[in-house]
Amino acid sequence: MPKPTSLSLTFDCWSLGLEACSVIGMRLPRLMTGNAAALAEAQLMVSEKMEAAATLQWKMMTGGLGTSGPAMLDASLAHYRKAVRKNKRRLAGAERRRQGGQGATFF
């Protein structure tokens, strides 16, 4: 794995932010319904965030993130990106099923 640079870390932070925004955009309509499915989504969202944070803390305490600052940031970004992508796939799949398999249209 190549050594992370300031530029690559900046790009990775920016990319993760964009991916997280897209997940928020897919999640908000579900939460705004206020029904039982919205409550389940909110509970899942909170539990996933707590699990991701606890796992990252464990990795940090056990040396699983690396030994330098840039390596730790790179590993942390990879950790959260994995969680965000998992949610993005799940929410996009649910959106496709809701629309009858035609895919999401946002524009």
N, C-alpha and C. Protein backbone atom coordinates (compact mmCIF):
# COMPACT_ATOMS: atom_id res chain seq x y z
N MET A 1 0.85 -1.17 0.00
CA MET A 1 0.00 0.00 0.00
C MET A 1 0.89 1.24 0.00
N PRO A 2 0.65 2.19 -0.92
CA PRO A 2 1.52 3.37 -0.98
C PRO A 2 1.37 4.25 0.25
N LYS A 3 2.43 4.95 0.56
CA LYS A 3 2.43 5.84 1.71
C LYS A 3 1.47 7.00 1.45
N PRO A 4 0.56 7.29 2.40
CA PRO A 4 -0.38 8.38 2.18
C PRO A 4 0.32 9.75 2.18
N THR A 5 -0.10 10.60 1.26
CA THR A 5 0.44 11.96 1.18
C THR A 5 -0.64 12.94 1.62
N SER A 6 -0.25 14.17 1.84
CA SER A 6 -1.22 15.19 2.23
C SER A 6 -2.31 15.33 1.17
N LEU A 7 -1.92 15.30 -0.09
CA LEU A 7 -2.88 15.43 -1.17
C LEU A 7 -3.84 14.24 -1.22
N SER A 8 -3.31 13.02 -1.09
CA SER A 8 -4.18 11.84 -1.14
C SER A 8 -5.12 11.81 0.06
N LEU A 9 -4.64 12.21 1.23
CA LEU A 9 -5.50 12.23 2.41
C LEU A 9 -6.59 13.29 2.28
N THR A 10 -6.24 14.44 1.71
CA THR A 10 -7.23 15.49 1.48
C THR A 10 -8.31 15.00 0.54
N PHE A 11 -7.91 14.36 -0.55
CA PHE A 11 -8.88 13.83 -1.51
C PHE A 11 -9.75 12.75 -0.87
N ASP A 12 -9.14 11.88 -0.07
CA ASP A 12 -9.90 10.81 0.58
C ASP A 12 -10.92 11.37 1.57
N CYS A 13 -10.53 12.40 2.31
CA CYS A 13 -11.48 13.05 3.24
C CYS A 13 -12.64 13.67 2.48
N TRP A 14 -12.32 14.34 1.39
CA TRP A 14 -13.34 14.97 0.56
C TRP A 14 -14.27 13.91 -0.03
N SER A 15 -13.72 12.84 -0.53
CA SER A 15 -14.53 11.76 -1.12
C SER A 15 -15.45 11.12 -0.09
N LEU A 16 -14.92 10.87 1.10
CA LEU A 16 -15.73 10.28 2.16
C LEU A 16 -16.88 11.23 2.52
N GLY A 17 -16.60 12.52 2.56
CA GLY A 17 -17.65 13.49 2.86
C GLY A 17 -18.76 13.47 1.82
N LEU A 18 -18.39 13.37 0.55
CA LEU A 18 -19.39 13.30 -0.52
C LEU A 18 -20.22 12.01 -0.42
N GLU A 19 -19.55 10.92 -0.16
CA GLU A 19 -20.27 9.65 -0.03
C GLU A 19 -21.22 9.68 1.16
N ALA A 20 -20.77 10.27 2.26
CA ALA A 20 -21.63 10.38 3.44
C ALA A 20 -22.84 11.26 3.15
N CYS A 21 -22.64 12.33 2.40
CA CYS A 21 -23.76 13.20 2.02
C CYS A 21 -24.78 12.45 1.18
N SER A 22 -24.32 11.60 0.28
CA SER A 22 -25.26 10.84 -0.55
C SER A 22 -26.05 9.85 0.30
N VAL A 23 -25.40 9.26 1.30
CA VAL A 23 -26.11 8.34 2.20
C VAL A 23 -27.15 9.11 3.02
N ILE A 24 -26.79 10.29 3.48
CA ILE A 24 -27.75 11.12 4.22
C ILE A 24 -28.95 11.45 3.34
N GLY A 25 -28.67 11.78 2.07
CA GLY A 25 -29.74 12.08 1.14
C GLY A 25 -30.67 10.90 0.89
N MET A 26 -30.15 9.69 0.92
CA MET A 26 -30.99 8.51 0.74
C MET A 26 -31.73 8.16 2.02
N ARG A 27 -31.15 8.51 3.16
CA ARG A 27 -31.73 8.13 4.44
C ARG A 27 -32.82 9.10 4.89
N LEU A 28 -32.68 10.37 4.59
CA LEU A 28 -33.64 11.37 5.07
C LEU A 28 -35.09 11.09 4.68
N PRO A 29 -35.39 10.76 3.43
CA PRO A 29 -36.79 10.48 3.11
C PRO A 29 -37.39 9.35 3.96
N ARG A 30 -36.59 8.36 4.27
CA ARG A 30 -37.06 7.26 5.12
C ARG A 30 -37.38 7.77 6.52
N LEU A 31 -36.47 8.59 7.06
CA LEU A 31 -36.65 9.08 8.42
C LEU A 31 -37.82 10.05 8.52
N MET A 32 -38.09 10.79 7.45
CA MET A 32 -39.13 11.81 7.48
C MET A 32 -40.54 11.21 7.48
N THR A 33 -40.68 9.94 7.15
CA THR A 33 -42.01 9.34 7.16
C THR A 33 -42.56 9.22 8.57
N GLY A 34 -41.67 9.02 9.55
CA GLY A 34 -42.11 8.94 10.94
C GLY A 34 -42.83 7.65 11.30
N ASN A 35 -42.81 6.67 10.44
CA ASN A 35 -43.51 5.42 10.73
C ASN A 35 -42.56 4.41 11.40
N ALA A 36 -43.01 3.19 11.52
CA ALA A 36 -42.20 2.15 12.18
C ALA A 36 -40.90 1.89 11.43
N ALA A 37 -40.94 1.96 10.09
CA ALA A 37 -39.72 1.76 9.30
C ALA A 37 -38.71 2.88 9.57
N ALA A 38 -39.21 4.09 9.79
CA ALA A 38 -38.32 5.21 10.12
C ALA A 38 -37.65 5.00 11.47
N LEU A 39 -38.41 4.51 12.43
CA LEU A 39 -37.84 4.22 13.75
C LEU A 39 -36.78 3.13 13.65
N ALA A 40 -37.06 2.09 12.87
CA ALA A 40 -36.08 1.02 12.69
C ALA A 40 -34.82 1.54 12.02
N GLU A 41 -34.98 2.41 11.01
CA GLU A 41 -33.82 3.00 10.33
C GLU A 41 -32.99 3.86 11.29
N ALA A 42 -33.67 4.65 12.11
CA ALA A 42 -32.97 5.49 13.08
C ALA A 42 -32.19 4.65 14.09
N GLN A 43 -32.81 3.59 14.57
CA GLN A 43 -32.13 2.71 15.52
C GLN A 43 -30.94 2.02 14.87
N LEU A 44 -31.10 1.58 13.64
CA LEU A 44 -30.00 0.95 12.91
C LEU A 44 -28.87 1.95 12.69
N MET A 45 -29.22 3.17 12.32
CA MET A 45 -28.23 4.21 12.06
C MET A 45 -27.38 4.47 13.32
N VAL A 46 -28.04 4.62 14.46
CA VAL A 46 -27.32 4.90 15.70
C VAL A 46 -26.45 3.72 16.11
N SER A 47 -26.98 2.52 16.01
CA SER A 47 -26.19 1.34 16.41
C SER A 47 -24.98 1.15 15.49
N GLU A 48 -25.16 1.41 14.18
CA GLU A 48 -24.03 1.30 13.25
C GLU A 48 -22.95 2.32 13.56
N LYS A 49 -23.36 3.54 13.89
CA LYS A 49 -22.38 4.58 14.22
C LYS A 49 -21.62 4.24 15.50
N MET A 50 -22.33 3.72 16.50
CA MET A 50 -21.67 3.34 17.75
C MET A 50 -20.70 2.19 17.52
N GLU A 51 -21.10 1.22 16.72
CA GLU A 51 -20.24 0.08 16.43
C GLU A 51 -18.99 0.51 15.66
N ALA A 52 -19.17 1.39 14.67
CA ALA A 52 -18.03 1.85 13.87
C ALA A 52 -17.04 2.62 14.75
N ALA A 53 -17.56 3.47 15.64
CA ALA A 53 -16.67 4.25 16.51
C ALA A 53 -15.94 3.34 17.50
N ALA A 54 -16.65 2.39 18.08
CA ALA A 54 -16.02 1.48 19.04
C ALA A 54 -14.96 0.60 18.37
N THR A 55 -15.25 0.14 17.17
CA THR A 55 -14.28 -0.69 16.44
C THR A 55 -13.04 0.11 16.10
N LEU A 56 -13.23 1.36 15.69
CA LEU A 56 -12.08 2.21 15.37
C LEU A 56 -11.24 2.47 16.62
N GLN A 57 -11.89 2.71 17.75
CA GLN A 57 -11.15 2.93 19.00
C GLN A 57 -10.34 1.69 19.36
N TRP A 58 -10.93 0.52 19.17
CA TRP A 58 -10.22 -0.72 19.47
C TRP A 58 -9.00 -0.87 18.56
N LYS A 59 -9.19 -0.57 17.27
CA LYS A 59 -8.06 -0.65 16.34
C LYS A 59 -6.95 0.30 16.77
N MET A 60 -7.32 1.48 17.22
CA MET A 60 -6.32 2.47 17.63
C MET A 60 -5.57 2.00 18.88
N MET A 61 -6.31 1.45 19.85
CA MET A 61 -5.67 1.01 21.10
C MET A 61 -4.76 -0.19 20.89
N THR A 62 -5.06 -1.00 19.90
CA THR A 62 -4.26 -2.20 19.67
C THR A 62 -3.20 -2.02 18.58
N GLY A 63 -3.06 -0.81 18.07
CA GLY A 63 -2.05 -0.53 17.06
C GLY A 63 -2.44 -0.92 15.66
N GLY A 64 -3.72 -1.17 15.43
CA GLY A 64 -4.18 -1.61 14.13
C GLY A 64 -4.30 -0.50 13.09
N LEU A 65 -4.07 0.74 13.49
CA LEU A 65 -4.20 1.85 12.55
C LEU A 65 -2.86 2.31 11.98
N GLY A 66 -1.79 1.80 12.50
CA GLY A 66 -0.47 2.21 12.02
C GLY A 66 0.29 2.96 13.10
N THR A 67 1.45 3.44 12.73
CA THR A 67 2.32 4.08 13.72
C THR A 67 2.53 5.57 13.47
N SER A 68 2.21 6.06 12.29
CA SER A 68 2.39 7.49 12.01
C SER A 68 1.02 8.16 11.88
N GLY A 69 1.01 9.46 12.03
CA GLY A 69 -0.23 10.21 11.89
C GLY A 69 -0.92 10.00 10.56
N PRO A 70 -0.19 10.17 9.44
CA PRO A 70 -0.83 9.96 8.15
C PRO A 70 -1.36 8.53 7.96
N ALA A 71 -0.63 7.54 8.46
CA ALA A 71 -1.09 6.15 8.34
C ALA A 71 -2.35 5.93 9.16
N MET A 72 -2.41 6.53 10.35
CA MET A 72 -3.60 6.40 11.19
C MET A 72 -4.81 7.06 10.54
N LEU A 73 -4.60 8.24 9.96
CA LEU A 73 -5.70 8.92 9.27
C LEU A 73 -6.17 8.11 8.07
N ASP A 74 -5.23 7.57 7.32
CA ASP A 74 -5.57 6.76 6.15
C ASP A 74 -6.38 5.54 6.55
N ALA A 75 -5.97 4.85 7.61
CA ALA A 75 -6.68 3.66 8.08
C ALA A 75 -8.05 4.04 8.63
N SER A 76 -8.14 5.17 9.30
CA SER A 76 -9.43 5.62 9.84
C SER A 76 -10.41 5.94 8.71
N LEU A 77 -9.91 6.60 7.68
CA LEU A 77 -10.76 6.91 6.53
C LEU A 77 -11.24 5.63 5.85
N ALA A 78 -10.35 4.66 5.71
CA ALA A 78 -10.73 3.38 5.09
C ALA A 78 -11.79 2.67 5.94
N HIS A 79 -11.64 2.76 7.25
CA HIS A 79 -12.60 2.13 8.16
C HIS A 79 -13.99 2.74 7.98
N TYR A 80 -14.07 4.06 7.99
CA TYR A 80 -15.38 4.71 7.85
C TYR A 80 -15.93 4.61 6.43
N ARG A 81 -15.05 4.63 5.45
CA ARG A 81 -15.52 4.51 4.06
C ARG A 81 -16.19 3.15 3.85
N LYS A 82 -15.66 2.11 4.47
CA LYS A 82 -16.26 0.78 4.36
C LYS A 82 -17.70 0.80 4.91
N ALA A 83 -17.88 1.43 6.06
CA ALA A 83 -19.21 1.51 6.67
C ALA A 83 -20.17 2.35 5.82
N VAL A 84 -19.68 3.45 5.28
CA VAL A 84 -20.52 4.33 4.45
C VAL A 84 -20.93 3.60 3.17
N ARG A 85 -20.00 2.91 2.53
CA ARG A 85 -20.32 2.19 1.30
C ARG A 85 -21.33 1.06 1.56
N LYS A 86 -21.20 0.40 2.69
CA LYS A 86 -22.15 -0.66 3.04
C LYS A 86 -23.55 -0.07 3.15
N ASN A 87 -23.68 1.07 3.81
CA ASN A 87 -24.97 1.73 3.94
C ASN A 87 -25.49 2.21 2.59
N LYS A 88 -24.60 2.72 1.77
CA LYS A 88 -25.01 3.21 0.46
C LYS A 88 -25.58 2.08 -0.38
N ARG A 89 -24.92 0.93 -0.37
CA ARG A 89 -25.42 -0.23 -1.11
C ARG A 89 -26.78 -0.68 -0.58
N ARG A 90 -26.91 -0.74 0.74
CA ARG A 90 -28.16 -1.18 1.35
C ARG A 90 -29.30 -0.23 1.01
N LEU A 91 -29.07 1.06 1.17
CA LEU A 91 -30.12 2.04 0.91
C LEU A 91 -30.46 2.13 -0.58
N ALA A 92 -29.47 2.02 -1.44
CA ALA A 92 -29.73 2.05 -2.89
C ALA A 92 -30.52 0.82 -3.31
N GLY A 93 -30.22 -0.32 -2.74
CA GLY A 93 -30.96 -1.54 -3.05
C GLY A 93 -32.41 -1.44 -2.60
N ALA A 94 -32.62 -0.86 -1.43
CA ALA A 94 -33.99 -0.68 -0.94
C ALA A 94 -34.75 0.30 -1.82
N GLU A 95 -34.07 1.33 -2.30
CA GLU A 95 -34.70 2.31 -3.18
C GLU A 95 -35.09 1.66 -4.51
N ARG A 96 -34.22 0.82 -5.05
CA ARG A 96 -34.54 0.12 -6.31
C ARG A 96 -35.74 -0.81 -6.13
N ARG A 97 -35.76 -1.51 -5.00
CA ARG A 97 -36.89 -2.41 -4.75
C ARG A 97 -38.19 -1.62 -4.60
N ARG A 98 -38.12 -0.46 -3.95
CA ARG A 98 -39.30 0.38 -3.75
C ARG A 98 -39.83 0.90 -5.08
N GLN A 99 -38.92 1.19 -6.00
CA GLN A 99 -39.31 1.74 -7.30
C GLN A 99 -39.57 0.65 -8.34
N GLY A 100 -39.58 -0.58 -7.93
CA GLY A 100 -39.86 -1.66 -8.86
C GLY A 100 -38.69 -2.05 -9.73
N GLY A 101 -37.45 -1.87 -9.20
CA GLY A 101 -36.27 -2.30 -9.93
C GLY A 101 -35.78 -1.33 -11.00
N GLN A 102 -36.34 -0.13 -11.06
CA GLN A 102 -35.95 0.81 -12.10
C GLN A 102 -34.79 1.71 -11.70
N GLY A 103 -34.35 1.64 -10.46
CA GLY A 103 -33.24 2.47 -10.02
C GLY A 103 -33.71 3.83 -9.54
N ALA A 104 -32.87 4.47 -8.81
CA ALA A 104 -33.23 5.78 -8.25
C ALA A 104 -32.99 6.88 -9.27
N THR A 105 -33.92 7.80 -9.30
CA THR A 105 -33.74 9.00 -10.13
C THR A 105 -33.80 10.19 -9.19
N PHE A 106 -32.74 10.94 -9.14
CA PHE A 106 -32.66 12.05 -8.20
C PHE A 106 -32.83 13.38 -8.89
N PHE A 107 -32.79 13.43 -10.22
CA PHE A 107 -32.87 14.72 -10.91
C PHE A 107 -34.05 14.75 -11.84
